[in-house]
Amino acid sequence: MPTFRTAYPGWICAFACACGSLLFSPPSVAINDYDLPSLGAASTSVSNEEYRLGRAWLRQFRAQAPQWQDPITSDYLESLIARLAPHSKINGLRTITVMVDNESLNAFAVPGGVVGINSGLFAFAEDEGAFVSVLAHELGHLSQRHYARGNARAAQTQLPAMAAMLAGMLIAASGGGDAGMAAAMGSQAALIQDQLSYSRLFEQEADNLGLQAMADAGYDPEAMVRMFAAMQRMARLQGDTPPEFLLSHPVTDSRLTAAQDRAAQLNVADAYTSDTLYDMMRARALLSIYANTPEQAASRLAQEGADETAQGYLDALIAARNGQTDNALQRLDQLANQQPDFAMLPASAASVALEAGQYDEAIQRSQRLLRFMPNYLPAQLILAEAQLQRDPQSAYNVLRDMADQHPENPQVFNLLAEAAGRSGHDGWGHLARAEHLQLTGRVDRGIRQLSIARDAAEREDDQQVVARIEQRREAFIEYREALEDFN
């Protein structure tokens, strides 16, 4: 998939973590004071309004922020969150992920279950445990509904404040910079004094929940301590200009000590980690970051002690970029034989074939992988895109099923729109285009597209599609109302 690289503000997590005023550091805690702080009787169930606004925010975010489109890495990210989620007290909240094409260290969580990372988080975290520790912390914020709880004492302003805060993030994401920060900060200014004691405890609570979730999921909680120490070193080296993630999550000595003490008390259940797999995902991130100088990605990966398999994997990806398709495929096949448990290796080979225009090869490779892993989304996308060039009807059939399984994936609907158009299913084609438009924040255009879809479906006398379009029109209008909270 092509990658579009533009500037992106690093401060988004200061607000998206939804922790009240996160610029305050948490207090130190006594060595045996490990019970989670009691912050009142607020329910940890996500409200419909939080969910609605969170999903509306995601639509606007997709319209304005530079995203890192990499299905293989996205699937890996979702697998880590799925491993942590049962231990993170998120009470069945359905999360959705987004990856930002930016080299700065950052991660964020938005009310309603949106979790995101910058590609730069992979670059900074040198092992899987360190990377997971950031995700665990963010899930801790989500599980405890820190934004909503921080504003609970100003209930009548909670919804407007949240909308204004998220709108400020969108201003910055689209290039507004300081104006976006001012908008987001201004939305909370009247609440900060009341939230001060809460915000300190929120970071402590997210740390404690994250450490426990890591241990329960099989990750060594000491990895969070290592990550905090690395962040502290970065903050000291960069002085007045650290990444905004470190401004919103300051790593004080007391916070580091508290994490060390807490981690020492935890037992790891069924220890699990896969640094080989992580290093390969890190290779993909570094190749995205150093897109114009891929040799820098290879040099950095080697210097930082990455697994030899990951280094060979990156060499293969670089060979593919240099037009050495056969060489790249041969290397990837060798690695896949050596590491048969990693589906991303044959998926990467199928992707290399697709990008080289070897559509039949891409179809064969993705189909072979899908026989073993029928629901592996990266391979499904490769198969659909390759079939689009050879057999649009087959692509349409595959993508119809994928759309049902992944109703919030814009890439699926973008491909479905093209496959439907090429195979003569005009009603479905326009409906899929409308879905893609609304998922990427262009809901008004999506509603207009639904009218075009209805006309096409009536010409085809497809009453099933007509009924679905009317049903979706009501949903689109609800999406538009949610988006209006950001205006």
Protein backbone atom coordinates (compact mmCIF):
# COMPACT_ATOMS: atom_id res chain seq x y z
CA MET A 1 0.00 0.00 0.00
CA PRO A 2 1.30 3.52 -0.68
CA THR A 3 2.29 5.59 2.29
CA PHE A 4 1.57 9.32 2.43
CA ARG A 5 3.87 11.21 4.78
CA THR A 6 3.00 14.65 6.09
CA ALA A 7 3.70 16.55 9.25
CA TYR A 8 1.66 15.55 12.27
CA PRO A 9 1.57 17.12 15.73
CA GLY A 10 3.00 14.96 18.49
CA TRP A 11 0.92 16.37 21.32
CA ILE A 12 -2.33 14.57 20.58
CA CYS A 13 -2.02 12.18 23.52
CA ALA A 14 -2.13 15.08 25.97
CA PHE A 15 -5.82 15.25 25.29
CA ALA A 16 -6.80 11.97 23.66
CA CYS A 17 -5.82 9.97 26.74
CA ALA A 18 -8.79 11.68 28.34
CA CYS A 19 -7.15 12.12 31.72
CA GLY A 20 -8.28 15.57 32.68
CA SER A 21 -5.15 17.73 32.82
CA LEU A 22 -2.34 15.27 32.14
CA LEU A 23 0.42 17.83 32.47
CA PHE A 24 0.57 17.11 36.19
CA SER A 25 2.77 14.28 37.43
CA PRO A 26 1.35 11.58 39.72
CA PRO A 27 2.30 11.50 43.38
CA SER A 28 4.64 8.90 44.79
CA VAL A 29 2.99 5.98 46.56
CA ALA A 30 4.03 3.92 49.52
CA ILE A 31 5.56 0.54 48.74
CA ASN A 32 2.49 -1.38 49.90
CA ASP A 33 -0.08 1.09 48.59
CA TYR A 34 -0.88 -0.87 45.47
CA ASP A 35 -4.65 -0.96 45.54
CA LEU A 36 -6.13 1.17 42.80
CA PRO A 37 -7.08 4.65 43.99
CA SER A 38 -10.73 5.14 44.75
CA LEU A 39 -11.96 8.02 42.65
CA GLY A 40 -15.62 7.82 43.45
CA ALA A 41 -18.54 5.68 42.43
CA ALA A 42 -18.59 6.55 38.74
CA SER A 43 -19.53 3.60 36.54
CA THR A 44 -16.86 2.17 34.28
CA SER A 45 -19.45 1.42 31.60
CA VAL A 46 -19.00 3.51 28.48
CA SER A 47 -21.96 5.79 27.81
CA ASN A 48 -23.66 5.95 24.44
CA GLU A 49 -22.54 9.56 24.14
CA GLU A 50 -18.89 8.68 24.72
CA TYR A 51 -19.08 5.91 22.14
CA ARG A 52 -20.92 8.14 19.67
CA LEU A 53 -18.45 10.99 20.03
CA GLY A 54 -15.44 8.69 19.94
CA ARG A 55 -16.53 7.15 16.65
CA ALA A 56 -17.40 10.57 15.24
CA TRP A 57 -13.95 11.78 16.24
CA LEU A 58 -12.39 8.82 14.41
CA ARG A 59 -14.23 9.74 11.21
CA GLN A 60 -12.96 13.30 11.41
CA PHE A 61 -9.49 12.06 12.27
CA ARG A 62 -9.37 9.88 9.17
CA ALA A 63 -10.36 12.86 7.06
CA GLN A 64 -7.61 15.12 8.40
CA ALA A 65 -4.67 13.17 9.82
CA PRO A 66 -1.92 11.31 7.92
CA GLN A 67 -2.48 7.61 8.51
CA TRP A 68 -0.03 4.76 8.19
CA GLN A 69 -1.82 2.31 5.92
CA ASP A 70 -0.21 -1.06 6.69
CA PRO A 71 -2.67 -3.95 7.15
CA ILE A 72 0.04 -6.36 8.34
CA THR A 73 1.19 -4.08 11.16
CA SER A 74 -2.39 -3.06 11.95
CA ASP A 75 -3.36 -6.70 12.39
CA TYR A 76 -0.41 -7.17 14.75
CA LEU A 77 -1.43 -4.11 16.77
CA GLU A 78 -4.98 -5.39 17.08
CA SER A 79 -3.68 -8.79 18.23
CA LEU A 80 -1.73 -7.15 21.06
CA ILE A 81 -4.78 -5.18 22.18
CA ALA A 82 -6.90 -8.33 22.00
CA ARG A 83 -4.40 -10.09 24.26
CA LEU A 84 -4.42 -7.24 26.78
CA ALA A 85 -8.13 -6.38 26.67
CA PRO A 86 -9.50 -9.23 28.81
CA HIS A 87 -7.13 -8.18 31.59
CA SER A 88 -7.66 -4.41 31.25
CA LYS A 89 -11.15 -4.12 32.74
CA ILE A 90 -12.64 -2.54 29.63
CA ASN A 91 -15.91 -4.42 30.19
CA GLY A 92 -16.50 -5.66 26.64
CA LEU A 93 -15.78 -2.30 25.02
CA ARG A 94 -15.15 -2.88 21.31
CA THR A 95 -11.91 -1.14 20.50
CA ILE A 96 -10.79 0.11 17.11
CA THR A 97 -7.25 1.02 16.15
CA VAL A 98 -5.66 3.69 14.00
CA MET A 99 -2.00 4.15 13.07
CA VAL A 100 -0.50 7.58 12.38
CA ASP A 101 2.27 8.12 9.85
CA ASN A 102 4.61 10.12 12.05
CA GLU A 103 8.05 9.38 13.46
CA SER A 104 7.52 10.98 16.86
CA LEU A 105 6.90 8.90 19.98
CA ASN A 106 3.17 8.91 20.63
CA ALA A 107 0.13 6.82 21.50
CA PHE A 108 -3.41 7.82 22.40
CA ALA A 109 -6.78 6.56 23.56
CA VAL A 110 -10.04 8.34 22.83
CA PRO A 111 -13.28 7.87 24.80
CA GLY A 112 -15.43 5.21 23.19
CA GLY A 113 -12.61 2.76 22.48
CA VAL A 114 -10.34 4.31 19.85
CA VAL A 115 -6.68 3.37 20.36
CA GLY A 116 -3.92 4.78 18.19
CA ILE A 117 -0.17 4.83 17.84
CA ASN A 118 2.40 6.70 15.80
CA SER A 119 4.79 4.68 13.68
CA GLY A 120 7.41 6.38 15.86
CA LEU A 121 6.36 4.27 18.86
CA PHE A 122 7.77 1.22 17.09
CA ALA A 123 10.98 3.13 16.44
CA PHE A 124 11.37 4.10 20.10
CA ALA A 125 10.34 0.83 21.80
CA GLU A 126 13.13 -1.67 21.14
CA ASP A 127 11.27 -4.77 22.33
CA GLU A 128 7.71 -6.02 22.40
CA GLY A 129 7.32 -5.68 26.16
CA ALA A 130 8.18 -1.97 26.05
CA PHE A 131 5.72 -1.41 23.20
CA VAL A 132 2.99 -3.36 25.00
CA SER A 133 3.52 -1.33 28.18
CA VAL A 134 2.35 1.81 26.38
CA LEU A 135 -0.74 0.04 25.03
CA ALA A 136 -1.52 -1.34 28.49
CA HIS A 137 -1.31 2.15 29.99
CA GLU A 138 -3.65 3.57 27.34
CA LEU A 139 -6.15 0.74 27.87
CA GLY A 140 -6.02 1.60 31.57
CA HIS A 141 -7.23 5.09 30.74
CA LEU A 142 -10.04 3.68 28.59
CA SER A 143 -11.16 1.12 31.15
CA GLN A 144 -11.52 3.73 33.88
CA ARG A 145 -13.21 6.34 31.63
CA HIS A 146 -10.82 8.98 32.91
CA TYR A 147 -12.08 11.82 30.81
CA ALA A 148 -15.72 11.27 31.73
CA ARG A 149 -14.89 10.76 35.39
CA GLY A 150 -12.69 13.83 35.46
CA ASN A 151 -15.61 15.89 34.21
CA ALA A 152 -18.26 14.18 36.33
CA ARG A 153 -18.42 17.14 38.71
CA ALA A 154 -19.35 19.37 35.80
CA ALA A 155 -21.86 17.06 34.18
CA GLN A 156 -23.72 19.78 32.37
CA THR A 157 -20.55 20.76 30.49
CA GLN A 158 -19.14 17.26 30.02
CA LEU A 159 -20.37 16.63 26.48
CA PRO A 160 -19.52 20.09 25.07
CA ALA A 161 -16.10 19.98 26.75
CA MET A 162 -15.32 16.59 25.29
CA ALA A 163 -16.45 17.65 21.82
CA ALA A 164 -14.39 20.83 22.01
CA MET A 165 -11.35 18.94 23.25
CA LEU A 166 -11.51 16.41 20.41
CA ALA A 167 -12.23 19.14 17.88
CA GLY A 168 -9.05 20.90 19.01
CA MET A 169 -7.09 17.73 18.32
CA LEU A 170 -8.52 17.65 14.80
CA ILE A 171 -7.49 21.25 14.16
CA ALA A 172 -3.93 20.37 15.05
CA ALA A 173 -4.01 17.15 13.04
CA SER A 174 -4.95 19.13 9.94
CA GLY A 175 -2.10 21.60 10.39
CA GLY A 176 -3.51 24.03 12.94
CA GLY A 177 -0.70 23.34 15.40
CA ASP A 178 -0.83 25.81 18.26
CA ALA A 179 -4.38 26.82 17.42
CA GLY A 180 -5.50 23.23 17.91
CA MET A 181 -3.69 22.97 21.22
CA ALA A 182 -5.27 26.21 22.39
CA ALA A 183 -8.71 24.98 21.42
CA ALA A 184 -8.28 21.69 23.23
CA MET A 185 -6.74 23.28 26.31
CA GLY A 186 -9.35 26.02 26.39
CA SER A 187 -12.13 23.46 26.51
CA GLN A 188 -10.72 22.15 29.78
CA ALA A 189 -9.46 25.35 31.36
CA ALA A 190 -12.53 25.91 33.51
CA LEU A 191 -12.37 22.35 34.80
CA ILE A 192 -8.66 21.98 35.54
CA GLN A 193 -8.70 23.30 39.09
CA ASP A 194 -11.47 20.92 40.04
CA GLN A 195 -9.68 18.01 38.35
CA LEU A 196 -6.17 18.59 39.66
CA SER A 197 -6.29 15.96 42.39
CA TYR A 198 -8.01 13.57 40.00
CA SER A 199 -5.48 13.92 37.14
CA ARG A 200 -2.55 12.89 39.33
CA LEU A 201 -4.39 9.78 40.40
CA PHE A 202 -5.48 8.97 36.85
CA GLU A 203 -1.91 8.46 35.68
CA GLN A 204 -1.18 6.34 38.76
CA GLU A 205 -4.33 4.33 38.14
CA ALA A 206 -3.50 3.74 34.45
CA ASP A 207 0.04 2.68 35.39
CA ASN A 208 -1.21 0.21 37.99
CA LEU A 209 -3.88 -1.21 35.71
CA GLY A 210 -1.40 -1.44 32.87
CA LEU A 211 1.18 -3.27 34.97
CA GLN A 212 -1.41 -5.75 36.23
CA ALA A 213 -2.80 -6.32 32.73
CA MET A 214 0.70 -6.98 31.40
CA ALA A 215 1.41 -9.55 34.08
CA ASP A 216 -1.95 -11.26 33.60
CA ALA A 217 -1.44 -11.36 29.81
CA GLY A 218 1.99 -12.94 30.17
CA TYR A 219 4.22 -9.89 29.70
CA ASP A 220 6.96 -8.99 32.17
CA PRO A 221 5.79 -5.77 33.88
CA GLU A 222 9.46 -4.77 34.25
CA ALA A 223 9.17 -3.80 30.57
CA MET A 224 7.09 -0.79 31.61
CA VAL A 225 9.83 0.22 34.03
CA ARG A 226 12.40 -0.02 31.21
CA MET A 227 10.16 2.04 28.96
CA PHE A 228 9.73 4.72 31.64
CA ALA A 229 13.50 4.87 32.16
CA ALA A 230 14.07 5.24 28.41
CA MET A 231 11.47 7.99 28.24
CA GLN A 232 13.07 9.78 31.17
CA ARG A 233 16.46 9.67 29.42
CA MET A 234 14.90 11.05 26.24
CA ALA A 235 13.21 13.88 28.14
CA ARG A 236 16.50 14.86 29.78
CA LEU A 237 18.44 14.71 26.51
CA GLN A 238 15.91 16.81 24.63
CA GLY A 239 15.49 19.38 27.37
CA ASP A 240 12.84 21.93 26.46
CA THR A 241 11.67 20.08 23.34
CA PRO A 242 10.73 16.51 24.28
CA PRO A 243 7.98 14.68 22.37
CA GLU A 244 4.54 15.80 23.42
CA PHE A 245 3.84 12.31 24.73
CA LEU A 246 6.38 13.03 27.45
CA LEU A 247 4.76 16.37 28.21
CA SER A 248 1.41 14.66 28.70
CA HIS A 249 2.98 11.66 30.49
CA PRO A 250 5.89 13.12 32.48
CA VAL A 251 8.13 10.38 33.88
CA THR A 252 9.18 11.70 37.27
CA ASP A 253 11.49 9.86 39.64
CA SER A 254 8.53 9.14 41.90
CA ARG A 255 6.53 7.65 39.02
CA LEU A 256 9.46 5.48 37.98
CA THR A 257 10.00 4.29 41.55
CA ALA A 258 6.31 3.50 41.97
CA ALA A 259 6.33 1.43 38.79
CA GLN A 260 9.44 -0.44 39.91
CA ASP A 261 7.90 -1.24 43.28
CA ARG A 262 4.59 -2.33 41.75
CA ALA A 263 6.25 -4.50 39.07
CA ALA A 264 8.34 -6.29 41.71
CA GLN A 265 5.17 -7.45 43.45
CA LEU A 266 3.53 -9.00 40.38
CA ASN A 267 3.69 -12.58 39.15
CA VAL A 268 3.64 -13.16 35.40
CA ALA A 269 1.03 -15.66 34.24
CA ASP A 270 2.14 -17.94 31.39
CA ALA A 271 5.05 -15.80 30.23
CA TYR A 272 4.68 -14.74 26.62
CA THR A 273 6.61 -12.55 24.24
CA SER A 274 7.67 -12.64 20.60
CA ASP A 275 10.51 -10.26 19.99
CA THR A 276 11.23 -11.86 16.60
CA LEU A 277 7.73 -10.97 15.40
CA TYR A 278 7.95 -7.55 17.02
CA ASP A 279 11.31 -6.84 15.38
CA MET A 280 9.78 -7.62 11.98
CA MET A 281 6.94 -5.18 12.64
CA ARG A 282 9.53 -2.68 13.80
CA ALA A 283 11.34 -3.21 10.49
CA ARG A 284 8.15 -2.23 8.65
CA ALA A 285 7.81 0.90 10.76
CA LEU A 286 11.43 1.94 10.26
CA LEU A 287 11.10 1.37 6.52
CA SER A 288 8.08 3.69 6.53
CA ILE A 289 9.91 6.32 8.57
CA TYR A 290 13.06 6.12 6.44
CA ALA A 291 11.16 5.71 3.18
CA ASN A 292 13.66 7.79 1.20
CA THR A 293 16.77 6.29 2.83
CA PRO A 294 15.96 2.64 3.56
CA GLU A 295 19.61 1.88 4.34
CA GLN A 296 19.13 3.96 7.50
CA ALA A 297 16.31 1.65 8.56
CA ALA A 298 18.56 -1.40 8.07
CA SER A 299 21.46 0.21 9.89
CA ARG A 300 19.33 1.22 12.86
CA LEU A 301 17.70 -2.18 13.15
CA ALA A 302 21.11 -3.87 13.18
CA GLN A 303 22.68 -1.42 15.62
CA GLU A 304 19.85 -1.89 18.10
CA GLY A 305 20.29 -5.66 18.22
CA ALA A 306 17.24 -6.82 16.29
CA ASP A 307 16.73 -10.51 15.65
CA GLU A 308 18.58 -11.83 12.58
CA THR A 309 15.28 -12.96 11.08
CA ALA A 310 13.99 -9.39 11.26
CA GLN A 311 17.15 -8.04 9.66
CA GLY A 312 16.80 -10.55 6.82
CA TYR A 313 13.13 -9.62 6.51
CA LEU A 314 13.97 -5.93 6.17
CA ASP A 315 16.61 -6.75 3.56
CA ALA A 316 13.94 -8.57 1.55
CA LEU A 317 11.53 -5.63 1.76
CA ILE A 318 14.28 -3.26 0.63
CA ALA A 319 15.11 -5.57 -2.28
CA ALA A 320 11.45 -5.47 -3.31
CA ARG A 321 11.47 -1.68 -3.20
CA ASN A 322 14.52 -1.68 -5.45
CA GLY A 323 12.66 -3.74 -8.05
CA GLN A 324 14.36 -7.04 -7.18
CA THR A 325 11.06 -8.89 -6.88
CA ASP A 326 12.29 -12.44 -7.47
CA ASN A 327 15.15 -11.97 -5.00
CA ALA A 328 12.73 -10.57 -2.40
CA LEU A 329 10.27 -13.43 -2.86
CA GLN A 330 13.04 -16.01 -2.55
CA ARG A 331 14.26 -14.45 0.71
CA LEU A 332 10.77 -14.22 2.15
CA ASP A 333 10.04 -17.84 1.26
CA GLN A 334 13.23 -18.93 3.02
CA LEU A 335 12.25 -16.98 6.12
CA ALA A 336 8.73 -18.43 6.02
CA ASN A 337 10.18 -21.94 5.94
CA GLN A 338 12.37 -21.11 8.94
CA GLN A 339 9.55 -19.37 10.85
CA PRO A 340 6.36 -21.20 9.83
CA ASP A 341 4.30 -19.74 12.70
CA PHE A 342 4.42 -16.17 11.39
CA ALA A 343 1.61 -15.57 8.88
CA MET A 344 2.96 -12.12 8.11
CA LEU A 345 5.89 -13.66 6.20
CA PRO A 346 3.84 -15.33 3.44
CA ALA A 347 1.49 -12.34 3.54
CA SER A 348 4.47 -10.06 2.93
CA ALA A 349 5.50 -12.19 -0.04
CA ALA A 350 1.98 -11.98 -1.49
CA SER A 351 2.06 -8.20 -0.99
CA VAL A 352 5.43 -7.95 -2.77
CA ALA A 353 3.99 -9.87 -5.72
CA LEU A 354 0.92 -7.61 -5.78
CA GLU A 355 2.96 -4.42 -5.72
CA ALA A 356 5.12 -5.76 -8.55
CA GLY A 357 2.03 -6.35 -10.68
CA GLN A 358 2.35 -10.15 -10.46
CA TYR A 359 -1.36 -10.57 -9.84
CA ASP A 360 -1.63 -14.31 -10.46
CA GLU A 361 1.27 -14.92 -8.09
CA ALA A 362 -0.37 -12.69 -5.47
CA ILE A 363 -3.66 -14.57 -5.82
CA GLN A 364 -2.01 -17.97 -5.47
CA ARG A 365 0.05 -16.94 -2.46
CA SER A 366 -2.81 -15.25 -0.61
CA GLN A 367 -5.21 -18.13 -1.32
CA ARG A 368 -2.66 -20.63 -0.01
CA LEU A 369 -2.30 -18.65 3.20
CA LEU A 370 -6.06 -18.23 3.60
CA ARG A 371 -6.56 -22.01 3.46
CA PHE A 372 -4.75 -22.11 6.80
CA MET A 373 -6.00 -18.77 8.17
CA PRO A 374 -9.38 -18.02 6.52
CA ASN A 375 -9.98 -14.75 8.39
CA TYR A 376 -6.51 -13.22 8.16
CA LEU A 377 -7.38 -9.71 6.98
CA PRO A 378 -4.02 -8.76 5.36
CA ALA A 379 -4.21 -11.81 3.07
CA GLN A 380 -7.90 -11.16 2.34
CA LEU A 381 -7.09 -7.61 1.24
CA ILE A 382 -4.23 -8.75 -0.97
CA LEU A 383 -6.42 -11.40 -2.57
CA ALA A 384 -9.25 -8.94 -3.19
CA GLU A 385 -6.97 -6.32 -4.72
CA ALA A 386 -5.24 -8.85 -6.97
CA GLN A 387 -8.54 -10.39 -8.06
CA LEU A 388 -9.78 -6.92 -8.88
CA GLN A 389 -7.25 -6.93 -11.72
CA ARG A 390 -8.10 -10.45 -12.92
CA ASP A 391 -11.69 -11.28 -11.96
CA PRO A 392 -13.74 -8.35 -10.56
CA GLN A 393 -16.73 -10.61 -9.83
CA SER A 394 -14.62 -12.85 -7.59
CA ALA A 395 -13.19 -9.76 -5.89
CA TYR A 396 -16.74 -8.49 -5.36
CA ASN A 397 -17.82 -11.76 -3.74
CA VAL A 398 -14.82 -11.75 -1.39
CA LEU A 399 -15.27 -8.10 -0.47
CA ARG A 400 -19.01 -8.43 0.25
CA ASP A 401 -18.14 -10.94 2.96
CA MET A 402 -15.29 -8.77 4.24
CA ALA A 403 -17.58 -5.74 4.50
CA ASP A 404 -19.89 -7.70 6.79
CA GLN A 405 -16.94 -8.76 8.96
CA HIS A 406 -15.23 -5.34 9.02
CA PRO A 407 -17.98 -2.68 8.84
CA GLU A 408 -15.64 0.12 10.00
CA ASN A 409 -12.71 -0.56 7.66
CA PRO A 410 -12.51 2.16 4.97
CA GLN A 411 -10.07 0.18 2.82
CA VAL A 412 -12.52 -2.71 2.48
CA PHE A 413 -15.30 -0.41 1.27
CA ASN A 414 -12.99 1.45 -1.09
CA LEU A 415 -12.06 -1.83 -2.79
CA LEU A 416 -15.67 -3.05 -2.71
CA ALA A 417 -16.86 0.09 -4.49
CA GLU A 418 -14.39 -0.50 -7.31
CA ALA A 419 -15.07 -4.25 -7.54
CA ALA A 420 -18.84 -3.71 -7.61
CA GLY A 421 -18.52 -1.07 -10.31
CA ARG A 422 -16.31 -3.27 -12.48
CA SER A 423 -18.58 -6.31 -12.12
CA GLY A 424 -21.85 -4.55 -12.91
CA HIS A 425 -23.30 -4.19 -9.41
CA ASP A 426 -23.90 -0.45 -9.61
CA GLY A 427 -26.23 -0.16 -6.62
CA TRP A 428 -23.77 -1.93 -4.35
CA GLY A 429 -20.90 0.04 -5.87
CA HIS A 430 -22.43 3.40 -5.00
CA LEU A 431 -23.51 2.14 -1.56
CA ALA A 432 -19.94 1.00 -0.83
CA ARG A 433 -18.62 4.37 -1.98
CA ALA A 434 -21.07 6.07 0.38
CA GLU A 435 -19.84 3.90 3.25
CA HIS A 436 -16.24 4.81 2.46
CA LEU A 437 -17.13 8.50 2.43
CA GLN A 438 -18.87 8.41 5.81
CA LEU A 439 -16.10 6.35 7.41
CA THR A 440 -13.58 8.97 6.34
CA GLY A 441 -15.51 11.91 7.74
CA ARG A 442 -17.31 13.09 4.60
CA VAL A 443 -20.81 12.24 5.71
CA ASP A 444 -22.68 14.87 3.67
CA ARG A 445 -21.10 13.53 0.50
CA GLY A 446 -21.94 10.03 1.68
CA ILE A 447 -25.61 10.94 2.06
CA ARG A 448 -25.64 12.35 -1.48
CA GLN A 449 -23.97 9.18 -2.70
CA LEU A 450 -26.76 7.13 -1.11
CA SER A 451 -29.26 8.90 -3.39
CA ILE A 452 -27.16 7.90 -6.40
CA ALA A 453 -27.00 4.36 -5.03
CA ARG A 454 -30.79 4.22 -4.65
CA ASP A 455 -31.33 5.32 -8.26
CA ALA A 456 -28.89 2.65 -9.45
CA ALA A 457 -30.48 -0.06 -7.30
CA GLU A 458 -33.98 0.83 -8.58
CA ARG A 459 -32.74 0.62 -12.18
CA GLU A 460 -31.38 -2.84 -11.35
CA ASP A 461 -34.63 -3.69 -9.51
CA ASP A 462 -32.59 -4.81 -6.51
CA GLN A 463 -35.03 -4.26 -3.66
CA GLN A 464 -32.64 -5.77 -1.11
CA VAL A 465 -30.11 -3.04 -1.82
CA VAL A 466 -32.86 -0.38 -1.82
CA ALA A 467 -33.94 -1.45 1.66
CA ARG A 468 -30.37 -1.47 2.90
CA ILE A 469 -29.76 2.01 1.52
CA GLU A 470 -32.75 3.41 3.38
CA GLN A 471 -31.57 1.76 6.58
CA ARG A 472 -28.10 3.19 6.13
CA ARG A 473 -29.48 6.65 5.38
CA GLU A 474 -30.86 6.84 8.92
CA ALA A 475 -27.50 5.80 10.32
CA PHE A 476 -25.68 8.37 8.18
CA ILE A 477 -27.93 11.13 9.49
CA GLU A 478 -27.06 10.07 13.03
CA TYR A 479 -23.36 10.19 12.10
CA ARG A 480 -23.84 13.71 10.76
CA GLU A 481 -25.49 14.84 13.99
CA ALA A 482 -22.56 13.47 15.97
CA LEU A 483 -20.09 15.26 13.72
CA GLU A 484 -21.94 18.52 14.23
CA ASP A 485 -20.72 18.47 17.85
CA PHE A 486 -17.25 19.21 16.47
CA ASN A 487 -18.31 22.29 14.52
